[in-house]
Amino acid sequence: MPVTAPYVVTLSNNVPNVAAGSTDSSTVAVAPFAGTVTSVTFTPDAGITGHATNNRTVSIINKEDDGTGTTAVAELEFDVGVDATAFDETAITLSGTAADLVVAEGDVLAWSSVHAASGVADPGGTVTIKIARS
């Protein structure tokens, strides 16, 4: 019987907490094969409450295999009304540009946590990325 469904791998890693007013990034995973990112989630270790001006944007950035890439694969801004509950998986919105979701074998996928103004704290937690093989 032929296999019709694509092979999907789930990659998870812990990301560090980041104080309000600070910015940080860290490696989450390396793409094990060429494919397409199909989902990204964040399960925070504590709650995050969005704020109009003092907020935080979290992203998965494709750093490519040489560390120089800047493509945002997925991103979520913790703005007014955008919150995350402790230990509850929160979807990170995938890029609307299909090409941004494509990864090559060996691409480094990094977590970026950036504050605006004085920001809100990022409690750290677990990031999960699903990639479907091309």
N, C-alpha and C. Protein backbone atom coordinates (compact mmCIF):
# COMPACT_ATOMS: atom_id res chain seq x y z
N MET A 1 0.85 -1.18 0.00
CA MET A 1 0.00 0.00 0.00
C MET A 1 0.90 1.24 0.00
N PRO A 2 0.66 2.18 -0.89
CA PRO A 2 1.50 3.39 -0.94
C PRO A 2 1.22 4.31 0.26
N VAL A 3 2.27 5.00 0.67
CA VAL A 3 2.15 5.98 1.75
C VAL A 3 1.84 7.33 1.11
N THR A 4 0.73 7.94 1.49
CA THR A 4 0.34 9.21 0.88
C THR A 4 0.53 10.41 1.79
N ALA A 5 0.61 10.18 3.07
CA ALA A 5 0.77 11.30 4.01
C ALA A 5 2.25 11.67 4.11
N PRO A 6 2.56 12.96 4.22
CA PRO A 6 3.97 13.34 4.37
C PRO A 6 4.48 12.96 5.77
N TYR A 7 5.77 12.73 5.83
CA TYR A 7 6.41 12.47 7.11
C TYR A 7 6.53 13.79 7.85
N VAL A 8 6.07 13.83 9.10
CA VAL A 8 6.12 15.04 9.92
C VAL A 8 6.94 14.74 11.17
N VAL A 9 7.89 15.61 11.46
CA VAL A 9 8.69 15.48 12.68
C VAL A 9 8.29 16.61 13.63
N THR A 10 8.29 16.27 14.92
CA THR A 10 8.02 17.25 15.97
C THR A 10 9.31 17.51 16.72
N LEU A 11 9.72 18.78 16.76
CA LEU A 11 10.95 19.20 17.43
C LEU A 11 10.57 20.11 18.59
N SER A 12 11.05 19.81 19.79
CA SER A 12 10.74 20.63 20.97
C SER A 12 12.01 20.95 21.72
N ASN A 13 12.00 22.12 22.34
CA ASN A 13 13.14 22.52 23.17
C ASN A 13 12.67 23.56 24.17
N ASN A 14 13.36 23.62 25.29
CA ASN A 14 13.07 24.65 26.29
C ASN A 14 13.76 25.94 25.88
N VAL A 15 13.08 27.06 26.13
CA VAL A 15 13.67 28.37 25.89
C VAL A 15 13.74 29.10 27.23
N PRO A 16 14.76 29.96 27.40
CA PRO A 16 14.96 30.61 28.70
C PRO A 16 13.96 31.74 28.95
N ASN A 17 13.82 32.10 30.22
CA ASN A 17 13.02 33.27 30.56
C ASN A 17 13.82 34.53 30.20
N VAL A 18 13.08 35.61 29.93
CA VAL A 18 13.70 36.89 29.56
C VAL A 18 13.01 37.98 30.37
N ALA A 19 13.78 38.78 31.07
CA ALA A 19 13.23 39.84 31.90
C ALA A 19 12.55 40.92 31.05
N ALA A 20 11.56 41.58 31.63
CA ALA A 20 10.93 42.72 30.97
C ALA A 20 12.02 43.72 30.63
N GLY A 21 11.95 44.31 29.44
CA GLY A 21 12.97 45.28 29.03
C GLY A 21 14.20 44.65 28.42
N SER A 22 14.25 43.32 28.36
CA SER A 22 15.39 42.62 27.77
C SER A 22 14.95 41.85 26.53
N THR A 23 15.93 41.52 25.69
CA THR A 23 15.69 40.77 24.46
C THR A 23 16.67 39.60 24.45
N ASP A 24 16.23 38.46 23.90
CA ASP A 24 17.11 37.30 23.85
C ASP A 24 16.70 36.41 22.69
N SER A 25 17.62 35.55 22.28
CA SER A 25 17.31 34.54 21.27
C SER A 25 18.10 33.29 21.61
N SER A 26 17.58 32.15 21.17
CA SER A 26 18.26 30.88 21.42
C SER A 26 17.84 29.87 20.37
N THR A 27 18.69 28.90 20.14
CA THR A 27 18.40 27.85 19.17
C THR A 27 17.33 26.92 19.72
N VAL A 28 16.34 26.63 18.89
CA VAL A 28 15.30 25.66 19.26
C VAL A 28 15.62 24.31 18.62
N ALA A 29 15.95 24.33 17.32
CA ALA A 29 16.15 23.06 16.61
C ALA A 29 16.92 23.30 15.32
N VAL A 30 17.40 22.20 14.75
CA VAL A 30 18.01 22.20 13.43
C VAL A 30 17.13 21.30 12.56
N ALA A 31 16.73 21.81 11.40
CA ALA A 31 15.86 21.05 10.51
C ALA A 31 16.56 19.76 10.07
N PRO A 32 15.94 18.60 10.33
CA PRO A 32 16.59 17.33 9.99
C PRO A 32 16.50 16.97 8.51
N PHE A 33 15.66 17.70 7.78
CA PHE A 33 15.48 17.46 6.35
C PHE A 33 14.80 18.67 5.74
N ALA A 34 14.79 18.74 4.41
CA ALA A 34 14.08 19.82 3.72
C ALA A 34 12.58 19.62 3.91
N GLY A 35 11.86 20.71 4.15
CA GLY A 35 10.44 20.57 4.36
C GLY A 35 9.76 21.91 4.57
N THR A 36 8.58 21.83 5.15
CA THR A 36 7.75 23.00 5.41
C THR A 36 7.31 22.99 6.86
N VAL A 37 7.48 24.11 7.54
CA VAL A 37 6.99 24.23 8.92
C VAL A 37 5.47 24.28 8.86
N THR A 38 4.82 23.40 9.63
CA THR A 38 3.36 23.31 9.61
C THR A 38 2.71 23.85 10.88
N SER A 39 3.49 23.95 11.97
CA SER A 39 2.94 24.57 13.18
C SER A 39 4.07 24.92 14.14
N VAL A 40 3.81 25.93 14.96
CA VAL A 40 4.72 26.34 16.03
C VAL A 40 3.85 26.67 17.24
N THR A 41 4.23 26.13 18.39
CA THR A 41 3.52 26.44 19.63
C THR A 41 4.51 26.80 20.73
N PHE A 42 4.02 27.52 21.72
CA PHE A 42 4.80 27.92 22.89
C PHE A 42 3.98 27.57 24.12
N THR A 43 4.58 26.83 25.03
CA THR A 43 3.94 26.50 26.30
C THR A 43 4.75 27.20 27.39
N PRO A 44 4.26 28.36 27.86
CA PRO A 44 5.03 29.15 28.83
C PRO A 44 5.03 28.53 30.23
N ASP A 45 6.11 28.78 30.97
CA ASP A 45 6.23 28.29 32.34
C ASP A 45 5.42 29.13 33.33
N ALA A 46 4.97 30.30 32.91
CA ALA A 46 4.10 31.17 33.71
C ALA A 46 3.24 31.96 32.72
N GLY A 47 2.21 32.60 33.21
CA GLY A 47 1.34 33.36 32.33
C GLY A 47 1.99 34.62 31.77
N ILE A 48 1.51 35.05 30.61
CA ILE A 48 1.94 36.31 29.99
C ILE A 48 0.68 37.11 29.70
N THR A 49 0.66 38.37 30.14
CA THR A 49 -0.46 39.26 29.86
C THR A 49 0.00 40.34 28.91
N GLY A 50 -0.64 40.40 27.75
CA GLY A 50 -0.28 41.39 26.74
C GLY A 50 -0.52 42.81 27.22
N HIS A 51 0.15 43.76 26.57
CA HIS A 51 0.04 45.17 26.93
C HIS A 51 0.13 46.01 25.67
N ALA A 52 -0.54 47.15 25.64
CA ALA A 52 -0.60 47.99 24.43
C ALA A 52 0.77 48.47 23.96
N THR A 53 1.56 49.02 24.86
CA THR A 53 2.85 49.58 24.44
C THR A 53 4.03 48.81 25.01
N ASN A 54 3.92 48.34 26.23
CA ASN A 54 5.00 47.57 26.86
C ASN A 54 4.73 46.10 26.63
N ASN A 55 4.98 45.66 25.41
CA ASN A 55 4.64 44.29 25.07
C ASN A 55 5.86 43.48 24.67
N ARG A 56 5.64 42.30 24.14
CA ARG A 56 6.72 41.40 23.74
C ARG A 56 6.28 40.65 22.49
N THR A 57 7.22 40.48 21.55
CA THR A 57 6.98 39.69 20.35
C THR A 57 7.91 38.49 20.39
N VAL A 58 7.32 37.30 20.21
CA VAL A 58 8.11 36.08 20.14
C VAL A 58 8.02 35.55 18.71
N SER A 59 9.13 34.99 18.24
CA SER A 59 9.20 34.54 16.85
C SER A 59 10.08 33.32 16.73
N ILE A 60 9.86 32.58 15.66
CA ILE A 60 10.81 31.57 15.20
C ILE A 60 11.46 32.18 13.97
N ILE A 61 12.78 32.28 14.00
CA ILE A 61 13.55 32.85 12.90
C ILE A 61 14.36 31.73 12.24
N ASN A 62 14.29 31.64 10.92
CA ASN A 62 15.11 30.68 10.19
C ASN A 62 16.48 31.33 9.99
N LYS A 63 17.46 30.89 10.77
CA LYS A 63 18.82 31.43 10.69
C LYS A 63 19.63 30.77 9.57
N GLU A 64 18.99 29.86 8.82
CA GLU A 64 19.61 29.08 7.75
C GLU A 64 20.78 28.27 8.32
N ASP A 65 21.52 27.62 7.46
CA ASP A 65 22.58 26.74 7.97
C ASP A 65 23.86 27.48 8.34
N ASP A 66 23.93 28.78 7.98
CA ASP A 66 25.13 29.55 8.30
C ASP A 66 24.90 30.59 9.39
N GLY A 67 23.71 30.63 9.98
CA GLY A 67 23.42 31.54 11.08
C GLY A 67 23.08 32.97 10.68
N THR A 68 22.99 33.26 9.38
CA THR A 68 22.76 34.63 8.94
C THR A 68 21.32 34.93 8.53
N GLY A 69 20.46 33.91 8.48
CA GLY A 69 19.09 34.11 8.02
C GLY A 69 18.27 34.99 8.95
N THR A 70 17.29 35.67 8.38
CA THR A 70 16.44 36.59 9.15
C THR A 70 14.94 36.38 8.91
N THR A 71 14.59 35.30 8.23
CA THR A 71 13.19 35.06 7.88
C THR A 71 12.37 34.65 9.09
N ALA A 72 11.29 35.39 9.35
CA ALA A 72 10.37 35.03 10.44
C ALA A 72 9.42 33.95 9.93
N VAL A 73 9.53 32.77 10.51
CA VAL A 73 8.68 31.64 10.15
C VAL A 73 7.33 31.77 10.85
N ALA A 74 7.36 32.20 12.11
CA ALA A 74 6.15 32.35 12.92
C ALA A 74 6.39 33.47 13.92
N GLU A 75 5.29 34.16 14.30
CA GLU A 75 5.45 35.31 15.20
C GLU A 75 4.14 35.58 15.94
N LEU A 76 4.27 36.00 17.19
CA LEU A 76 3.11 36.40 17.98
C LEU A 76 3.50 37.57 18.86
N GLU A 77 2.70 38.63 18.80
CA GLU A 77 2.91 39.80 19.65
C GLU A 77 1.94 39.74 20.82
N PHE A 78 2.49 39.79 22.03
CA PHE A 78 1.65 39.83 23.23
C PHE A 78 1.23 41.27 23.47
N ASP A 79 0.21 41.66 22.72
CA ASP A 79 -0.38 42.99 22.73
C ASP A 79 -1.65 42.93 23.57
N VAL A 80 -2.41 44.01 23.63
CA VAL A 80 -3.67 44.04 24.38
C VAL A 80 -4.57 42.89 23.92
N GLY A 81 -5.02 42.08 24.87
CA GLY A 81 -5.93 40.98 24.56
C GLY A 81 -5.24 39.71 24.08
N VAL A 82 -3.93 39.75 23.90
CA VAL A 82 -3.19 38.55 23.49
C VAL A 82 -2.38 38.09 24.70
N ASP A 83 -2.85 37.02 25.31
CA ASP A 83 -2.25 36.51 26.54
C ASP A 83 -1.90 35.03 26.37
N ALA A 84 -1.13 34.50 27.29
CA ALA A 84 -0.84 33.07 27.32
C ALA A 84 -0.94 32.60 28.77
N THR A 85 -1.55 31.45 28.93
CA THR A 85 -1.75 30.87 30.26
C THR A 85 -0.61 29.92 30.58
N ALA A 86 -0.18 29.92 31.82
CA ALA A 86 0.91 29.04 32.26
C ALA A 86 0.60 27.59 31.91
N PHE A 87 1.58 26.92 31.32
CA PHE A 87 1.52 25.49 31.00
C PHE A 87 0.40 25.12 30.04
N ASP A 88 -0.07 26.09 29.27
CA ASP A 88 -1.10 25.84 28.25
C ASP A 88 -0.51 26.20 26.89
N GLU A 89 -0.51 25.25 25.99
CA GLU A 89 0.08 25.45 24.67
C GLU A 89 -0.62 26.57 23.91
N THR A 90 0.17 27.52 23.40
CA THR A 90 -0.33 28.67 22.65
C THR A 90 0.22 28.60 21.23
N ALA A 91 -0.65 28.72 20.24
CA ALA A 91 -0.20 28.71 18.84
C ALA A 91 0.52 30.01 18.52
N ILE A 92 1.64 29.88 17.81
CA ILE A 92 2.37 31.04 17.30
C ILE A 92 2.01 31.13 15.82
N THR A 93 1.51 32.28 15.39
CA THR A 93 0.99 32.44 14.03
C THR A 93 2.08 32.25 12.99
N LEU A 94 1.81 31.33 12.05
CA LEU A 94 2.75 31.10 10.96
C LEU A 94 2.72 32.26 9.98
N SER A 95 3.85 32.50 9.33
CA SER A 95 3.92 33.53 8.29
C SER A 95 2.90 33.23 7.21
N GLY A 96 2.29 34.29 6.67
CA GLY A 96 1.33 34.14 5.58
C GLY A 96 2.01 33.97 4.23
N THR A 97 3.32 34.06 4.19
CA THR A 97 4.09 33.89 2.96
C THR A 97 4.61 32.45 2.93
N ALA A 98 4.13 31.66 1.99
CA ALA A 98 4.47 30.24 1.92
C ALA A 98 5.98 30.01 1.89
N ALA A 99 6.72 30.82 1.17
CA ALA A 99 8.18 30.64 1.06
C ALA A 99 8.88 30.78 2.41
N ASP A 100 8.28 31.54 3.34
CA ASP A 100 8.89 31.74 4.66
C ASP A 100 8.83 30.47 5.52
N LEU A 101 7.95 29.54 5.15
CA LEU A 101 7.76 28.31 5.92
C LEU A 101 8.68 27.18 5.46
N VAL A 102 9.37 27.39 4.35
CA VAL A 102 10.23 26.36 3.77
C VAL A 102 11.59 26.36 4.47
N VAL A 103 12.04 25.16 4.86
CA VAL A 103 13.35 25.00 5.47
C VAL A 103 14.17 24.00 4.67
N ALA A 104 15.48 24.19 4.71
CA ALA A 104 16.41 23.25 4.10
C ALA A 104 17.01 22.39 5.21
N GLU A 105 17.47 21.21 4.86
CA GLU A 105 18.15 20.37 5.83
C GLU A 105 19.32 21.16 6.43
N GLY A 106 19.40 21.18 7.74
CA GLY A 106 20.48 21.89 8.43
C GLY A 106 20.16 23.32 8.83
N ASP A 107 19.01 23.85 8.41
CA ASP A 107 18.65 25.21 8.82
C ASP A 107 18.44 25.26 10.34
N VAL A 108 18.96 26.31 10.95
CA VAL A 108 18.81 26.53 12.39
C VAL A 108 17.56 27.36 12.63
N LEU A 109 16.67 26.84 13.47
CA LEU A 109 15.44 27.56 13.82
C LEU A 109 15.61 28.11 15.23
N ALA A 110 15.58 29.43 15.34
CA ALA A 110 15.87 30.11 16.60
C ALA A 110 14.63 30.79 17.16
N TRP A 111 14.53 30.80 18.48
CA TRP A 111 13.49 31.52 19.21
C TRP A 111 13.99 32.93 19.46
N SER A 112 13.18 33.92 19.13
CA SER A 112 13.51 35.31 19.38
C SER A 112 12.43 35.89 20.27
N SER A 113 12.84 36.56 21.35
CA SER A 113 11.91 37.16 22.30
C SER A 113 12.33 38.62 22.46
N VAL A 114 11.55 39.52 21.87
CA VAL A 114 11.92 40.93 21.77
C VAL A 114 10.89 41.80 22.49
N HIS A 115 11.38 42.72 23.32
CA HIS A 115 10.48 43.62 24.05
C HIS A 115 10.23 44.90 23.25
N ALA A 116 9.09 45.54 23.52
CA ALA A 116 8.80 46.89 23.03
C ALA A 116 8.65 47.77 24.26
N ALA A 117 9.22 48.97 24.19
CA ALA A 117 9.25 49.89 25.34
C ALA A 117 9.86 49.16 26.53
N SER A 118 9.19 49.16 27.68
CA SER A 118 9.76 48.46 28.83
C SER A 118 9.40 46.98 28.84
N GLY A 119 8.52 46.58 27.90
CA GLY A 119 8.20 45.17 27.69
C GLY A 119 7.48 44.49 28.83
N VAL A 120 7.13 43.23 28.59
CA VAL A 120 6.61 42.33 29.62
C VAL A 120 7.60 41.17 29.68
N ALA A 121 7.65 40.52 30.81
CA ALA A 121 8.58 39.40 30.97
C ALA A 121 8.14 38.21 30.13
N ASP A 122 9.11 37.49 29.62
CA ASP A 122 8.90 36.21 28.94
C ASP A 122 9.30 35.16 29.97
N PRO A 123 8.36 34.32 30.42
CA PRO A 123 8.68 33.37 31.48
C PRO A 123 9.48 32.15 31.02
N GLY A 124 9.77 32.07 29.73
CA GLY A 124 10.41 30.87 29.22
C GLY A 124 9.39 29.75 29.14
N GLY A 125 9.82 28.64 28.59
CA GLY A 125 8.90 27.51 28.46
C GLY A 125 9.38 26.57 27.38
N THR A 126 8.44 25.92 26.72
CA THR A 126 8.75 24.93 25.69
C THR A 126 8.20 25.38 24.35
N VAL A 127 9.07 25.36 23.35
CA VAL A 127 8.66 25.67 21.97
C VAL A 127 8.62 24.35 21.19
N THR A 128 7.56 24.17 20.43
CA THR A 128 7.40 22.96 19.62
C THR A 128 7.17 23.37 18.18
N ILE A 129 7.95 22.77 17.29
CA ILE A 129 7.87 23.05 15.85
C ILE A 129 7.59 21.74 15.13
N LYS A 130 6.64 21.77 14.19
CA LYS A 130 6.37 20.60 13.35
C LYS A 130 6.80 20.93 11.92
N ILE A 131 7.55 19.99 11.33
CA ILE A 131 8.03 20.16 9.95
C ILE A 131 7.60 18.95 9.15
N ALA A 132 6.96 19.21 7.99
CA ALA A 132 6.59 18.15 7.05
C ALA A 132 7.66 18.05 5.98
N ARG A 133 8.14 16.83 5.74
CA ARG A 133 9.19 16.64 4.74
C ARG A 133 8.65 16.96 3.36
N SER A 134 9.50 17.60 2.54
CA SER A 134 9.13 17.94 1.16
C SER A 134 9.05 16.69 0.32
